[in-house]
Protein backbone atom coordinates (compact mmCIF):
# COMPACT_ATOMS: atom_id res chain seq x y z
CA MET A 1 -10.47 -13.66 19.37
CA ILE A 2 -10.16 -16.96 17.52
CA LEU A 3 -9.95 -17.32 13.74
CA THR A 4 -11.98 -19.76 11.65
CA ASN A 5 -9.89 -21.73 8.91
CA GLY A 6 -11.72 -19.45 6.19
CA GLN A 7 -10.55 -16.42 7.96
CA ILE A 8 -6.84 -17.55 8.35
CA THR A 9 -6.91 -18.49 4.28
CA LYS A 10 -7.86 -14.83 3.53
CA VAL A 11 -5.04 -13.44 5.85
CA HIS A 12 -2.54 -15.44 4.28
CA ILE A 13 -3.89 -14.29 0.68
CA VAL A 14 -3.66 -10.61 1.53
CA ILE A 15 -0.23 -10.99 2.93
CA SER A 16 1.03 -13.00 -0.15
CA ASN A 17 -0.24 -10.48 -2.08
CA VAL A 18 1.40 -7.52 -0.22
CA LYS A 19 4.94 -9.74 -0.93
CA MET A 20 3.88 -10.18 -4.33
CA TRP A 21 3.05 -6.38 -4.81
CA LEU A 22 6.24 -5.53 -3.33
CA ARG A 23 8.62 -7.92 -5.23
CA GLY A 24 6.75 -7.32 -8.51
CA THR A 25 6.61 -3.48 -8.36
CA PHE A 26 10.13 -3.18 -7.22
CA ASN A 27 12.01 -6.44 -7.51
CA ARG A 28 13.04 -6.14 -3.91
CA TYR A 29 11.51 -5.58 -0.54
CA PRO A 30 11.94 -1.73 0.59
CA SER A 31 14.21 -0.93 3.34
CA ASP A 32 12.54 -0.56 6.95
CA LYS A 33 13.01 2.97 6.45
CA HIS A 34 10.21 3.42 3.73
CA LEU A 35 7.98 0.14 4.41
CA SER A 36 5.67 1.92 6.32
CA LYS A 37 5.08 4.08 3.13
CA TYR A 38 4.71 1.22 0.89
CA LEU A 39 2.38 -0.69 3.04
CA ASP A 40 0.32 2.51 3.16
CA GLU A 41 0.06 2.69 -0.45
CA PHE A 42 -0.86 -0.99 -0.83
CA GLU A 43 -3.53 -0.51 2.08
CA PHE A 44 -4.86 2.72 -0.20
CA ARG A 45 -4.91 0.37 -3.27
CA PHE A 46 -6.35 -2.32 -1.33
CA ASN A 47 -9.27 -0.51 0.24
CA ARG A 48 -10.59 1.01 -2.98
CA ARG A 49 -10.09 -2.17 -5.33
CA GLY A 50 -13.88 -2.23 -6.10
CA LYS A 51 -14.01 1.43 -6.75
CA LEU A 52 -11.46 1.72 -9.63
CA GLU A 53 -13.20 4.47 -11.36
CA THR A 54 -12.62 6.91 -8.52
CA ILE A 55 -9.20 5.90 -7.21
CA PHE A 56 -7.46 8.53 -9.51
CA ASP A 57 -9.53 11.24 -8.42
CA LYS A 58 -9.11 10.58 -4.94
CA LEU A 59 -5.44 10.12 -5.26
CA LEU A 60 -5.23 13.41 -7.06
CA ASP A 61 -7.13 15.18 -4.46
CA ARG A 62 -4.80 14.00 -1.82
CA CYS A 63 -1.63 14.98 -3.49
CA ILE A 64 -2.97 18.46 -4.00
CA GLN A 65 -3.87 18.80 -0.44
CA ARG A 66 -0.75 17.91 0.84
CA THR A 67 2.44 20.01 1.06
CA THR A 68 5.53 19.43 -0.96
CA ILE A 69 8.77 18.08 0.13
CA THR A 70 11.82 18.53 -1.17
CA LEU A 71 14.44 15.56 -2.41
CA ALA A 72 16.65 16.13 0.93
CA GLU A 73 13.55 15.86 2.99
CA LEU A 74 12.27 12.83 1.13
CA LYS A 75 15.84 11.38 1.61
CA ALA A 76 16.02 11.95 5.28
């Protein structure tokens, strides 16, 4: 698969947005242990950026459907 110049530019913009979001939100990059969770959140927000009116409802539904975890499990 060969990327065109326009596609490379879009990929670069997305990567830059991820880096700015992580540094802007947390003032540092997360550890390797938690990086995948932060990237999952970015992906969730990125994929729903055009549907901002439903993002809170969908997030709330997903929180309700998940089982709760303790602080010890979160830190493990």
